[in-house]
Amino acid sequence: MSEAAESLTDGAIEFAVIGGSGFEGLDLDGRAVLPQRESRWGTVPEIAVGELAGRRVAFAPRHGVGHRMPPHRVNARALLWGLRTLGARALLSTNAVGGLDAGLRPGDFVLTDQLIDRTHGRADTYFDGEPGGAGVQHLPFAEPYDRGLRRIAHEVLQKADERVHPSGTSVVIQGPRFATAAEARWHRAMGAHLVNMTQLPEAALAAELGFAHLNIAIVTDTDTEHGDTDADASATAERVFAVMAGAQSRLSAAVTAIIAAVPTGYAPAPRLAPEVVELLIGGRG
């Protein structure tokens, strides 16, 4: 590990940032890359560390460089554990999402506050009852994301004249395929405003680790203007990445401004017993 990396680790990182589809890097001052390492949860990917807005930050792209990892194969347990062991207590995640609500347009920011889980077969807890672990832990999860960080982010983005929605419910589907028209109608009937493929189990795992978690969703497509059966309104990977390419600079500026606005030492009230979380992040890799 380089001297620059060593100076930004050992519990020194304040913020973790996970970049979603189309957002694979941050311009960090003094950037260094921590190599892959093995953990009980699998391989922790490379993590970039450095400074952003004068704060110490760790960044990793959720799908890997070049978008190599499909949604259902992202090892969220290893990634989040690796970020948390660097000391970060605040987590900013970004996601490309489809808009299910007529008030959402491509390029809009949404600060997700609720989730509906339609994934299956994903490792969604650290507390799986294995010998030597902390036993079964029932996570309070009525509010997946942190209210205080959402409030800060909303104020910051409004001042930046961004089109930002202060809340939104996301239905998380298995992927990597997009939804059918019938599924989209069902998701709207559930009360979902957004559709995504990776917000779970990520948000639940982050909560188990004691992160204060903010999700910044970017709307990339919507079929509400044209009707469910209009082929021109269908979500495609090309459309998603085209919108994200145009939003890169805005998203980077948003993350930077939000991090600058978060008070030093910001941390949430624990959802699980502190000794359980400490056991999880300390020495169990």
Protein backbone atom coordinates (compact mmCIF):
# COMPACT_ATOMS: atom_id res chain seq x y z
CA MET A 1 0.00 0.00 0.00
CA SER A 2 1.30 3.45 -0.88
CA GLU A 3 2.08 6.11 1.75
CA ALA A 4 -0.82 8.18 0.38
CA ALA A 5 -3.19 5.27 0.84
CA GLU A 6 -1.90 4.55 4.34
CA SER A 7 -2.49 8.18 5.35
CA LEU A 8 -6.15 7.90 4.37
CA THR A 9 -6.96 4.56 5.96
CA ASP A 10 -6.77 3.03 9.44
CA GLY A 11 -10.15 4.47 10.40
CA ALA A 12 -9.55 7.85 8.81
CA ILE A 13 -12.17 7.82 6.03
CA GLU A 14 -15.25 9.97 6.71
CA PHE A 15 -17.44 9.16 3.70
CA ALA A 16 -18.00 6.15 1.47
CA VAL A 17 -19.40 6.68 -2.03
CA ILE A 18 -20.75 3.89 -4.22
CA GLY A 19 -21.13 4.81 -7.88
CA GLY A 20 -23.96 3.22 -9.83
CA SER A 21 -24.33 2.53 -13.54
CA GLY A 22 -22.53 5.19 -15.57
CA PHE A 23 -20.81 6.78 -12.54
CA GLU A 24 -17.49 5.01 -12.15
CA GLY A 25 -15.19 7.65 -10.71
CA LEU A 26 -14.74 10.74 -8.55
CA ASP A 27 -11.98 13.33 -8.94
CA LEU A 28 -10.28 12.81 -5.58
CA ASP A 29 -7.32 14.91 -4.44
CA GLY A 30 -4.32 12.76 -3.51
CA ARG A 31 -6.05 9.75 -5.01
CA ALA A 32 -4.68 6.32 -4.17
CA VAL A 33 -6.12 2.87 -4.83
CA LEU A 34 -6.41 0.18 -2.18
CA PRO A 35 -5.91 -3.25 -3.75
CA GLN A 36 -8.40 -6.08 -3.61
CA ARG A 37 -8.43 -8.09 -0.40
CA GLU A 38 -10.15 -11.22 0.77
CA SER A 39 -12.78 -11.26 3.50
CA ARG A 40 -15.23 -13.68 5.03
CA TRP A 41 -17.74 -12.19 2.60
CA GLY A 42 -15.64 -12.71 -0.52
CA THR A 43 -13.33 -10.39 -2.43
CA VAL A 44 -13.42 -6.72 -1.45
CA PRO A 45 -12.86 -4.85 -4.74
CA GLU A 46 -10.36 -2.07 -5.35
CA ILE A 47 -11.34 1.11 -3.49
CA ALA A 48 -10.10 4.59 -4.38
CA VAL A 49 -9.33 6.89 -1.45
CA GLY A 50 -8.54 10.59 -1.37
CA GLU A 51 -10.01 13.96 -0.46
CA LEU A 52 -13.12 15.66 -1.79
CA ALA A 53 -14.22 19.10 -0.58
CA GLY A 54 -11.57 18.76 2.12
CA ARG A 55 -13.13 15.56 3.46
CA ARG A 56 -11.65 12.08 3.38
CA VAL A 57 -13.56 9.85 1.00
CA ALA A 58 -13.51 6.26 -0.29
CA PHE A 59 -15.09 5.47 -3.66
CA ALA A 60 -15.95 2.27 -5.49
CA PRO A 61 -18.10 1.61 -8.58
CA ARG A 62 -20.81 -0.91 -7.73
CA HIS A 63 -20.53 -2.83 -11.01
CA GLY A 64 -16.74 -2.53 -11.35
CA VAL A 65 -14.87 -0.51 -13.94
CA GLY A 66 -16.49 -1.02 -17.32
CA HIS A 67 -19.77 -2.19 -15.77
CA ARG A 68 -18.59 -5.80 -15.65
CA MET A 69 -20.80 -7.12 -12.83
CA PRO A 70 -24.55 -7.68 -13.40
CA PRO A 71 -26.94 -6.60 -10.64
CA HIS A 72 -27.62 -10.04 -9.20
CA ARG A 73 -23.90 -10.84 -8.90
CA VAL A 74 -22.74 -7.67 -7.13
CA ASN A 75 -21.11 -8.76 -3.86
CA ALA A 76 -22.66 -6.04 -1.72
CA ARG A 77 -21.57 -7.69 1.54
CA ALA A 78 -17.88 -7.58 0.65
CA LEU A 79 -18.01 -4.07 -0.83
CA LEU A 80 -19.88 -2.46 2.06
CA TRP A 81 -17.85 -4.27 4.71
CA GLY A 82 -14.65 -3.09 3.02
CA LEU A 83 -15.84 0.53 2.99
CA ARG A 84 -17.04 0.43 6.60
CA THR A 85 -13.76 -0.97 7.91
CA LEU A 86 -11.98 2.11 6.55
CA GLY A 87 -13.84 4.16 9.16
CA ALA A 88 -16.65 5.69 7.10
CA ARG A 89 -19.94 6.29 8.91
CA ALA A 90 -21.76 8.18 6.14
CA LEU A 91 -22.55 6.43 2.85
CA LEU A 92 -23.66 8.11 -0.39
CA SER A 93 -24.87 5.69 -3.06
CA THR A 94 -25.98 6.57 -6.57
CA ASN A 95 -28.33 4.62 -8.83
CA ALA A 96 -29.71 4.88 -12.31
CA VAL A 97 -33.47 4.35 -12.00
CA GLY A 98 -36.54 4.17 -14.18
CA GLY A 99 -39.32 6.64 -13.47
CA LEU A 100 -42.80 5.21 -12.84
CA ASP A 101 -44.44 8.49 -11.85
CA ALA A 102 -45.65 11.08 -14.36
CA GLY A 103 -43.87 13.82 -12.41
CA LEU A 104 -40.44 12.27 -12.99
CA ARG A 105 -38.39 13.05 -16.08
CA PRO A 106 -35.02 11.79 -17.34
CA GLY A 107 -32.22 13.65 -15.59
CA ASP A 108 -34.20 14.32 -12.39
CA PHE A 109 -32.58 13.62 -9.02
CA VAL A 110 -34.63 11.64 -6.51
CA LEU A 111 -33.61 11.17 -2.87
CA THR A 112 -35.01 7.70 -2.28
CA ASP A 113 -36.70 7.15 1.08
CA GLN A 114 -38.58 3.84 0.69
CA LEU A 115 -38.00 0.44 -0.93
CA ILE A 116 -40.03 -2.54 -2.12
CA ASP A 117 -38.02 -5.74 -2.52
CA ARG A 118 -38.63 -7.98 -5.53
CA THR A 119 -35.16 -9.54 -5.63
CA HIS A 120 -34.44 -13.18 -4.84
CA GLY A 121 -31.47 -15.34 -3.95
CA ARG A 122 -29.19 -12.49 -2.86
CA ALA A 123 -27.13 -12.57 0.34
CA ASP A 124 -29.04 -9.93 2.28
CA THR A 125 -27.65 -10.08 5.82
CA TYR A 126 -24.33 -10.43 7.61
CA PHE A 127 -26.02 -12.29 10.47
CA ASP A 128 -26.73 -15.65 8.87
CA GLY A 129 -26.45 -17.82 11.97
CA GLU A 130 -23.03 -19.28 11.17
CA PRO A 131 -20.97 -20.62 14.13
CA GLY A 132 -18.81 -17.94 15.70
CA GLY A 133 -21.03 -15.12 14.48
CA ALA A 134 -23.33 -12.80 16.40
CA GLY A 135 -26.42 -14.94 15.95
CA VAL A 136 -29.61 -13.86 14.25
CA GLN A 137 -30.21 -10.09 14.27
CA HIS A 138 -33.59 -8.63 13.30
CA LEU A 139 -32.86 -5.27 11.68
CA PRO A 140 -35.26 -2.33 12.23
CA PHE A 141 -35.71 -1.14 8.63
CA ALA A 142 -38.92 0.90 8.47
CA GLU A 143 -36.85 3.81 7.14
CA PRO A 144 -34.09 2.44 4.90
CA TYR A 145 -32.32 5.77 4.38
CA ASP A 146 -31.17 8.57 6.68
CA ARG A 147 -33.59 11.49 7.11
CA GLY A 148 -30.90 13.97 8.10
CA LEU A 149 -28.74 13.29 5.05
CA ARG A 150 -31.80 13.54 2.78
CA ARG A 151 -32.64 16.93 4.26
CA ILE A 152 -29.09 18.20 3.74
CA ALA A 153 -28.98 16.86 0.19
CA HIS A 154 -32.33 18.38 -0.72
CA GLU A 155 -31.24 21.82 0.47
CA VAL A 156 -27.92 21.56 -1.36
CA LEU A 157 -29.50 20.46 -4.64
CA GLN A 158 -32.22 23.08 -4.48
CA LYS A 159 -29.56 25.79 -4.05
CA ALA A 160 -27.82 24.36 -7.11
CA ASP A 161 -31.08 24.78 -9.09
CA GLU A 162 -31.30 21.06 -9.72
CA ARG A 163 -34.64 19.39 -10.38
CA VAL A 164 -34.71 17.28 -7.21
CA HIS A 165 -37.48 15.28 -5.55
CA PRO A 166 -37.10 14.96 -1.75
CA SER A 167 -38.51 11.43 -1.55
CA GLY A 168 -39.49 8.45 -3.64
CA THR A 169 -40.31 4.76 -3.29
CA SER A 170 -38.18 2.41 -5.37
CA VAL A 171 -39.17 -1.13 -6.31
CA VAL A 172 -36.02 -3.21 -6.62
CA ILE A 173 -36.25 -5.92 -9.28
CA GLN A 174 -33.88 -8.81 -9.87
CA GLY A 175 -32.51 -7.76 -13.25
CA PRO A 176 -30.58 -7.74 -15.42
CA ARG A 177 -33.64 -7.64 -17.66
CA PHE A 178 -35.95 -4.64 -17.56
CA ALA A 179 -39.60 -4.94 -16.50
CA THR A 180 -42.49 -5.91 -18.74
CA ALA A 181 -45.33 -3.45 -19.32
CA ALA A 182 -47.56 -5.52 -17.03
CA GLU A 183 -44.93 -5.45 -14.29
CA ALA A 184 -44.58 -1.68 -14.66
CA ARG A 185 -48.34 -1.30 -14.14
CA TRP A 186 -48.12 -3.59 -11.10
CA HIS A 187 -45.21 -1.60 -9.67
CA ARG A 188 -47.14 1.65 -10.00
CA ALA A 189 -50.16 0.02 -8.36
CA MET A 190 -47.88 -0.89 -5.43
CA GLY A 191 -47.14 2.80 -4.96
CA ALA A 192 -43.63 2.72 -6.43
CA HIS A 193 -42.25 5.86 -8.09
CA LEU A 194 -38.96 4.32 -9.25
CA VAL A 195 -37.62 0.98 -10.44
CA ASN A 196 -34.05 -0.18 -9.85
CA MET A 197 -31.96 -3.38 -9.64
CA THR A 198 -29.37 -2.85 -6.89
CA GLN A 199 -30.71 -0.77 -4.01
CA LEU A 200 -31.33 -4.04 -2.17
CA PRO A 201 -29.72 -5.81 -0.43
CA GLU A 202 -27.28 -2.88 -0.37
CA ALA A 203 -29.43 -0.61 1.82
CA ALA A 204 -30.18 -3.34 4.36
CA LEU A 205 -26.54 -4.37 4.62
CA ALA A 206 -25.48 -0.74 5.05
CA ALA A 207 -27.97 -0.40 7.89
CA GLU A 208 -26.57 -3.51 9.61
CA LEU A 209 -23.11 -1.95 9.42
CA GLY A 210 -24.32 1.26 11.06
CA PHE A 211 -24.01 3.57 8.06
CA ALA A 212 -25.98 6.81 7.73
CA HIS A 213 -27.07 6.21 4.15
CA LEU A 214 -28.14 8.67 1.46
CA ASN A 215 -29.28 7.42 -1.93
CA ILE A 216 -29.17 9.75 -4.94
CA ALA A 217 -31.19 8.26 -7.79
CA ILE A 218 -30.99 9.60 -11.35
CA VAL A 219 -34.04 9.03 -13.51
CA THR A 220 -32.88 7.68 -16.87
CA ASP A 221 -36.16 6.75 -18.58
CA THR A 222 -39.93 6.88 -18.16
CA ASP A 223 -42.82 5.28 -20.00
CA THR A 224 -45.52 7.38 -18.39
CA GLU A 225 -45.70 9.94 -21.18
CA HIS A 226 -46.43 7.46 -23.96
CA GLY A 227 -48.25 4.55 -22.38
CA ASP A 228 -47.00 1.15 -21.29
CA THR A 229 -47.17 -0.52 -24.69
CA ASP A 230 -45.29 2.14 -26.68
CA ALA A 231 -42.06 0.50 -27.80
CA ASP A 232 -40.37 3.91 -28.04
CA ALA A 233 -40.85 4.33 -24.29
CA SER A 234 -39.19 1.04 -23.32
CA ALA A 235 -36.14 1.15 -21.08
CA THR A 236 -32.91 0.12 -22.81
CA ALA A 237 -29.31 -0.05 -21.63
CA GLU A 238 -28.36 2.43 -24.36
CA ARG A 239 -30.88 4.95 -23.08
CA VAL A 240 -29.74 4.51 -19.49
CA PHE A 241 -26.06 5.06 -20.28
CA ALA A 242 -26.81 8.01 -22.58
CA VAL A 243 -28.67 9.84 -19.81
CA MET A 244 -26.00 8.98 -17.26
CA ALA A 245 -23.25 10.25 -19.57
CA GLY A 246 -25.02 13.60 -19.73
CA ALA A 247 -25.46 13.66 -15.94
CA GLN A 248 -21.85 12.83 -14.98
CA SER A 249 -20.73 16.36 -14.19
CA ARG A 250 -23.97 17.19 -12.38
CA LEU A 251 -23.77 14.08 -10.25
CA SER A 252 -20.12 14.65 -9.37
CA ALA A 253 -20.90 18.25 -8.39
CA ALA A 254 -23.88 17.09 -6.32
CA VAL A 255 -21.86 14.51 -4.40
CA THR A 256 -19.10 17.05 -3.74
CA ALA A 257 -21.50 19.74 -2.50
CA ILE A 258 -23.41 17.32 -0.28
CA ILE A 259 -20.24 15.98 1.33
CA ALA A 260 -19.06 19.53 1.99
CA ALA A 261 -22.38 20.31 3.72
CA VAL A 262 -22.50 17.32 6.07
CA PRO A 263 -21.41 18.23 9.61
CA THR A 264 -18.15 16.70 10.81
CA GLY A 265 -18.69 13.50 12.73
CA TYR A 266 -22.18 12.91 11.35
CA ALA A 267 -23.37 9.44 12.33
CA PRO A 268 -26.75 7.77 12.81
CA ALA A 269 -28.26 6.28 15.93
CA PRO A 270 -27.42 2.56 15.89
CA ARG A 271 -30.13 0.15 14.70
CA LEU A 272 -28.40 -2.86 16.22
CA ALA A 273 -26.51 -3.20 19.49
CA PRO A 274 -23.13 -1.38 19.20
CA GLU A 275 -21.20 -4.45 20.34
CA VAL A 276 -22.79 -6.49 17.55
CA VAL A 277 -21.75 -3.95 14.92
CA GLU A 278 -18.25 -3.72 16.34
CA LEU A 279 -17.93 -7.49 16.18
CA LEU A 280 -19.01 -7.37 12.56
CA ILE A 281 -16.57 -4.68 11.39
CA GLY A 282 -13.63 -5.62 13.59
CA GLY A 283 -11.55 -8.69 12.90
CA ARG A 284 -14.16 -10.83 11.18
CA GLY A 285 -12.98 -10.36 7.62
